[in-house]
C-alpha atoms as a PDB file:
ATOM      1  CA  MET A   1     114.063  99.185  85.524  1.00  0.00           C
ATOM      2  CA  SER A   2     116.944  97.871  83.327  1.00  0.00           C
ATOM      3  CA  ALA A   3     119.634  97.687  85.797  1.00  0.00           C
ATOM      4  CA  THR A   4     119.819  94.103  87.920  1.00  0.00           C
ATOM      5  CA  LEU A   5     118.886  94.041  91.168  1.00  0.00           C
ATOM      6  CA  GLY A   6     122.517  94.190  92.110  1.00  0.00           C
ATOM      7  CA  GLU A   7     123.094  97.196  90.155  1.00  0.00           C
ATOM      8  CA  GLU A   8     120.330  99.144  91.701  1.00  0.00           C
ATOM      9  CA  LEU A   9     121.534  97.838  95.207  1.00  0.00           C
ATOM     10  CA  LYS A  10     124.567  99.194  94.864  1.00  0.00           C
ATOM     11  CA  LYS A  11     123.602 102.477  93.685  1.00  0.00           C
ATOM     12  CA  LEU A  12     120.589 102.692  96.329  1.00  0.00           C
ATOM     13  CA  ARG A  13     123.423 101.660  99.019  1.00  0.00           C
ATOM     14  CA  LYS A  14     125.965 104.357  97.632  1.00  0.00           C
ATOM     15  CA  ASP A  15     123.568 106.861  97.323  1.00  0.00           C
ATOM     16  CA  LYS A  16     122.806 106.494 101.422  1.00  0.00           C
ATOM     17  CA  LYS A  17     126.722 107.164 101.618  1.00  0.00           C
ATOM     18  CA  MET A  18     125.956 103.379 103.633  1.00  0.00           C
ATOM     19  CA  THR A  19     129.079 101.145 103.505  1.00  0.00           C
ATOM     20  CA  LEU A  20     128.807  97.226 103.115  1.00  0.00           C
ATOM     21  CA  LYS A  21     129.381  97.016 106.705  1.00  0.00           C
ATOM     22  CA  GLU A  22     126.513  99.695 107.209  1.00  0.00           C
ATOM     23  CA  LEU A  23     124.167  97.603 105.887  1.00  0.00           C
ATOM     24  CA  SER A  24     125.227  94.296 107.123  1.00  0.00           C
ATOM     25  CA  ALA A  25     124.739  95.654 110.638  1.00  0.00           C
ATOM     26  CA  LYS A  26     121.141  97.153 109.744  1.00  0.00           C
ATOM     27  CA  SER A  27     119.926  94.074 107.855  1.00  0.00           C
ATOM     28  CA  GLY A  28     121.637  90.986 109.656  1.00  0.00           C
ATOM     29  CA  LEU A  29     122.862  89.747 106.847  1.00  0.00           C
ATOM     30  CA  SER A  30     127.153  88.711 106.209  1.00  0.00           C
ATOM     31  CA  ILE A  31     129.159  91.994 104.009  1.00  0.00           C
ATOM     32  CA  SER A  32     130.088  89.393 101.677  1.00  0.00           C
ATOM     33  CA  PHE A  33     127.031  87.805 100.714  1.00  0.00           C
ATOM     34  CA  ILE A  34     125.738  91.881 100.282  1.00  0.00           C
ATOM     35  CA  SER A  35     128.615  92.211  98.425  1.00  0.00           C
ATOM     36  CA  GLN A  36     127.806  88.960  95.833  1.00  0.00           C
ATOM     37  CA  ILE A  37     124.148  90.059  95.526  1.00  0.00           C
ATOM     38  CA  GLU A  38     125.420  93.600  94.425  1.00  0.00           C
ATOM     39  CA  ARG A  39     127.769  91.522  91.803  1.00  0.00           C
ATOM     40  CA  ASP A  40     125.081  89.453  90.798  1.00  0.00           C
ATOM     41  CA  LEU A  41     126.711  86.421  92.236  1.00  0.00           C
ATOM     42  CA  LYS A  42     124.510  85.568  94.286  1.00  0.00           C
ATOM     43  CA  THR A  43     120.399  85.089  94.495  1.00  0.00           C
ATOM     44  CA  LEU A  44     118.636  86.183  97.237  1.00  0.00           C
ATOM     45  CA  THR A  45     114.861  85.007  99.027  1.00  0.00           C
ATOM     46  CA  PHE A  46     112.205  87.319  99.568  1.00  0.00           C
ATOM     47  CA  THR A  47     113.135  87.712 103.140  1.00  0.00           C
ATOM     48  CA  SER A  48     116.264  88.763 102.801  1.00  0.00           C
ATOM     49  CA  LEU A  49     115.120  91.138 100.200  1.00  0.00           C
ATOM     50  CA  LYS A  50     112.575  92.926 102.873  1.00  0.00           C
ATOM     51  CA  LYS A  51     115.813  92.984 105.368  1.00  0.00           C
ATOM     52  CA  ILE A  52     118.097  95.080 103.164  1.00  0.00           C
ATOM     53  CA  SER A  53     114.687  97.234 101.714  1.00  0.00           C
ATOM     54  CA  GLU A  54     114.150  98.033 105.540  1.00  0.00           C
ATOM     55  CA  ALA A  55     118.125  98.931 106.212  1.00  0.00           C
ATOM     56  CA  LEU A  56     117.897 100.984 103.029  1.00  0.00           C
ATOM     57  CA  ASP A  57     114.528 102.385 104.409  1.00  0.00           C
ATOM     58  CA  VAL A  58     112.773 102.051 100.906  1.00  0.00           C
ATOM     59  CA  ASN A  59     110.009  99.752 100.478  1.00  0.00           C
ATOM     60  CA  VAL A  60     110.371  96.352  98.819  1.00  0.00           C
ATOM     61  CA  ASN A  61     108.878  98.221  95.786  1.00  0.00           C
ATOM     62  CA  PHE A  62     111.623 100.124  95.142  1.00  0.00           C
ATOM     63  CA  PHE A  63     113.742  96.638  93.720  1.00  0.00           C
ATOM     64  CA  PHE A  64     110.572  96.275  91.154  1.00  0.00           C
ATOM     65  CA  ASP A  65     109.214  97.795  87.976  1.00  0.00           C
ATOM     66  CA  ASP A  66     107.812 101.261  88.219  1.00  0.00           C
ATOM     67  CA  ASN A  67     104.351 101.029  86.343  1.00  0.00           C
ATOM     68  CA  GLY A  68     103.165  98.796  89.308  1.00  0.00           C
ATOM     69  CA  THR A  69     101.420  96.354  87.292  1.00  0.00           C
ATOM     70  CA  ASP A  70     104.084  93.958  86.472  1.00  0.00           C
ATOM     71  CA  PRO A  71     106.465  91.765  88.352  1.00  0.00           C
ATOM     72  CA  VAL A  72     110.103  92.290  87.661  1.00  0.00           C
ATOM     73  CA  ASP A  73     111.705  89.608  85.242  1.00  0.00           C
ATOM     74  CA  THR A  74     112.595  87.543  88.170  1.00  0.00           C
ATOM     75  CA  SER A  75     114.713  84.490  85.906  1.00  0.00           C
ATOM     76  CA  SER A  76     117.165  87.328  85.793  1.00  0.00           C
ATOM     77  CA  LEU A  77     117.579  88.236  89.430  1.00  0.00           C
ATOM     78  CA  ASN A  78     116.382  85.058  91.422  1.00  0.00           C
ATOM     79  CA  GLY A  79     114.421  82.349  90.424  1.00  0.00           C
ATOM     80  CA  ASN A  80     113.091  82.030  94.327  1.00  0.00           C
ATOM     81  CA  PHE A  81     110.098  84.219  94.062  1.00  0.00           C
ATOM     82  CA  SER A  82     107.952  87.213  92.051  1.00  0.00           C
ATOM     83  CA  TYR A  83     106.362  90.060  93.834  1.00  0.00           C
ATOM     84  CA  LYS A  84     103.532  91.802  91.941  1.00  0.00           C
ATOM     85  CA  ASP A  85     102.633  95.162  93.498  1.00  0.00           C
ATOM     86  CA  LEU A  86      99.483  95.691  93.870  1.00  0.00           C
ATOM     87  CA  SER A  87      99.271  99.368  94.919  1.00  0.00           C
ATOM     88  CA  GLY A  88      99.226 100.901  91.336  1.00  0.00           C
ATOM     89  CA  ASP A  89     100.768 104.494  91.299  1.00  0.00           C
ATOM     90  CA  MET A  90      99.689 105.590  95.048  1.00  0.00           C
ATOM     91  CA  VAL A  91     102.720 107.626  96.527  1.00  0.00           C
ATOM     92  CA  ASN A  92     103.934 106.583  99.957  1.00  0.00           C
ATOM     93  CA  PRO A  93     101.303 104.433 100.312  1.00  0.00           C
ATOM     94  CA  ILE A  94     100.398 103.135 104.345  1.00  0.00           C
ATOM     95  CA  PHE A  95     100.338  99.665 103.466  1.00  0.00           C
ATOM     96  CA  THR A  96     101.387  97.626 100.297  1.00  0.00           C
ATOM     97  CA  PRO A  97      99.551  94.704  98.733  1.00  0.00           C
ATOM     98  CA  ALA A  98     101.226  92.560  96.324  1.00  0.00           C
ATOM     99  CA  VAL A  99     101.057  88.765  95.372  1.00  0.00           C
ATOM    100  CA  VAL A 100     104.086  86.905  96.297  1.00  0.00           C
ATOM    101  CA  GLU A 101     104.876  83.402  94.517  1.00  0.00           C
ATOM    102  CA  LEU A 102     107.109  81.527  96.301  1.00  0.00           C
ATOM    103  CA  LYS A 103     108.877  78.478  94.552  1.00  0.00           C
ATOM    104  CA  ALA A 104     109.311  74.997  95.796  1.00  0.00           C
ATOM    105  CA  GLY A 105     111.288  74.163  98.804  1.00  0.00           C
ATOM    106  CA  GLU A 106     112.884  77.549  99.909  1.00  0.00           C
ATOM    107  CA  THR A 107     115.839  76.424 102.613  1.00  0.00           C
ATOM    108  CA  GLN A 108     117.421  79.871 102.935  1.00  0.00           C
ATOM    109  CA  HIS A 109     115.480  81.755 106.041  1.00  0.00           C
ATOM    110  CA  SER A 110     115.546  83.518 109.191  1.00  0.00           C
ATOM    111  CA  PRO A 111     113.566  85.454 112.026  1.00  0.00           C
ATOM    112  CA  TYR A 112     113.710  88.811 111.597  1.00  0.00           C
ATOM    113  CA  THR A 113     111.527  91.875 112.823  1.00  0.00           C
ATOM    114  CA  HIS A 114     110.852  95.386 111.392  1.00  0.00           C
ATOM    115  CA  ARG A 115     108.632  98.011 112.044  1.00  0.00           C
ATOM    116  CA  GLY A 116     104.744  97.492 110.857  1.00  0.00           C
ATOM    117  CA  GLN A 117     102.530  94.865 110.576  1.00  0.00           C
ATOM    118  CA  GLU A 118     101.978  91.950 107.571  1.00  0.00           C
ATOM    119  CA  PHE A 119      98.894  90.470 106.933  1.00  0.00           C
ATOM    120  CA  ILE A 120      99.638  87.171 104.637  1.00  0.00           C
ATOM    121  CA  TYR A 121      96.443  85.352 102.665  1.00  0.00           C
ATOM    122  CA  VAL A 122      97.342  81.858 101.127  1.00  0.00           C
ATOM    123  CA  LEU A 123      95.968  81.934  97.494  1.00  0.00           C
ATOM    124  CA  ALA A 124      97.630  78.503  96.465  1.00  0.00           C
ATOM    125  CA  GLY A 125      99.794  76.091  98.388  1.00  0.00           C
ATOM    126  CA  SER A 126     101.391  76.213 101.597  1.00  0.00           C
ATOM    127  CA  LEU A 127     103.079  78.376 103.917  1.00  0.00           C
ATOM    128  CA  GLU A 128     105.166  78.135 107.117  1.00  0.00           C
ATOM    129  CA  VAL A 129     104.921  80.768 109.316  1.00  0.00           C
ATOM    130  CA  ILE A 130     106.933  81.062 112.512  1.00  0.00           C
ATOM    131  CA  VAL A 131     105.997  83.887 115.210  1.00  0.00           C
ATOM    132  CA  SER A 132     108.264  84.323 118.555  1.00  0.00           C
ATOM    133  CA  GLY A 133     109.362  80.788 117.989  1.00  0.00           C
ATOM    134  CA  GLU A 134     105.806  79.216 117.240  1.00  0.00           C
ATOM    135  CA  GLN A 135     105.494  77.693 114.116  1.00  0.00           C
ATOM    136  CA  LYS A 136     102.488  77.243 112.128  1.00  0.00           C
ATOM    137  CA  THR A 137     101.496  76.011 108.448  1.00  0.00           C
ATOM    138  CA  LEU A 138      98.965  78.095 106.434  1.00  0.00           C
ATOM    139  CA  GLU A 139      97.134  76.226 103.856  1.00  0.00           C
ATOM    140  CA  THR A 140      94.897  77.892 100.790  1.00  0.00           C
ATOM    141  CA  GLY A 141      92.592  80.306 101.820  1.00  0.00           C
ATOM    142  CA  GLU A 142      94.098  80.432 105.412  1.00  0.00           C
ATOM    143  CA  SER A 143      95.735  83.574 106.834  1.00  0.00           C
ATOM    144  CA  ILE A 144      97.487  85.544 109.641  1.00  0.00           C
ATOM    145  CA  HIS A 145      97.976  89.435 110.557  1.00  0.00           C
ATOM    146  CA  ILE A 146     101.852  89.611 112.366  1.00  0.00           C
ATOM    147  CA  ASP A 147     102.877  92.385 114.125  1.00  0.00           C
ATOM    148  CA  SER A 148     106.246  92.638 112.763  1.00  0.00           C
ATOM    149  CA  ARG A 149     108.371  94.242 115.625  1.00  0.00           C
ATOM    150  CA  VAL A 150     107.844  90.319 117.015  1.00  0.00           C
ATOM    151  CA  GLU A 151     110.771  87.782 115.448  1.00  0.00           C
ATOM    152  CA  HIS A 152     109.160  86.383 112.654  1.00  0.00           C
ATOM    153  CA  GLU A 153     109.465  84.473 109.112  1.00  0.00           C
ATOM    154  CA  TRP A 154     107.743  82.662 106.459  1.00  0.00           C
ATOM    155  CA  TYR A 155     108.690  80.446 103.747  1.00  0.00           C
ATOM    156  CA  ASN A 156     107.509  77.818 101.201  1.00  0.00           C
ATOM    157  CA  ASN A 157     109.285  74.616 101.974  1.00  0.00           C
ATOM    158  CA  THR A 158     106.941  72.265  99.759  1.00  0.00           C
ATOM    159  CA  ALA A 159     107.758  70.700  96.337  1.00  0.00           C
ATOM    160  CA  GLU A 160     104.794  72.749  95.094  1.00  0.00           C
ATOM    161  CA  THR A 161     104.934  76.681  94.550  1.00  0.00           C
ATOM    162  CA  THR A 162     103.121  78.782  97.170  1.00  0.00           C
ATOM    163  CA  GLU A 163     101.161  82.248  96.051  1.00  0.00           C
ATOM    164  CA  ILE A 164     100.074  84.573  98.484  1.00  0.00           C
ATOM    165  CA  LEU A 165      98.710  88.107  99.295  1.00  0.00           C
ATOM    166  CA  LEU A 166     100.866  90.220 101.430  1.00  0.00           C
ATOM    167  CA  VAL A 167      99.638  93.404 102.599  1.00  0.00           C
ATOM    168  CA  SER A 168     102.467  95.225 104.703  1.00  0.00           C
ATOM    169  CA  SER A 169     102.757  98.366 106.444  1.00  0.00           C
ATOM    170  CA  ASN A 170     106.360  99.940 107.256  1.00  0.00           C
ATOM    171  CA  SER A 171     104.701 102.181 110.304  1.00  0.00           C
ATOM    172  CA  GLY A 172     104.102 101.049 113.836  1.00  0.00           C
END
């Protein structure tokens, strides 16, 4: 994918004939924030990218390299995370496995819901997880299975990088 994340987002939104206002309402993100992302003036967290993907009815993989083996060069779109799709070239998978690297000290997060489920296994570091208002810290080797229809969020607020295996489904 040679276009920037913002360019891809704007093109997809327009292809789906969706206004900024409609995307804002569906994603829970502000119109100005989405506009700034589309113009590559703002970076976004993995959580925000998942909200946008859900609102546009695409898998988060849409915004990453097509070959399924290398994460996109995140330095050009966001220094907060990298994402490596592990699903290969499977078309319309039931679940999507990925390795997500969350950089240190994420402070921009908010709870959300979406269809499907998430399974998270911490490969390295620690991860803050909040499900239905209940907070838990996962350390290396620990995991959690989340019904994504329940309000939840997860993020790295430590001074170290956290690496997780994320397996998500869009059904349910």
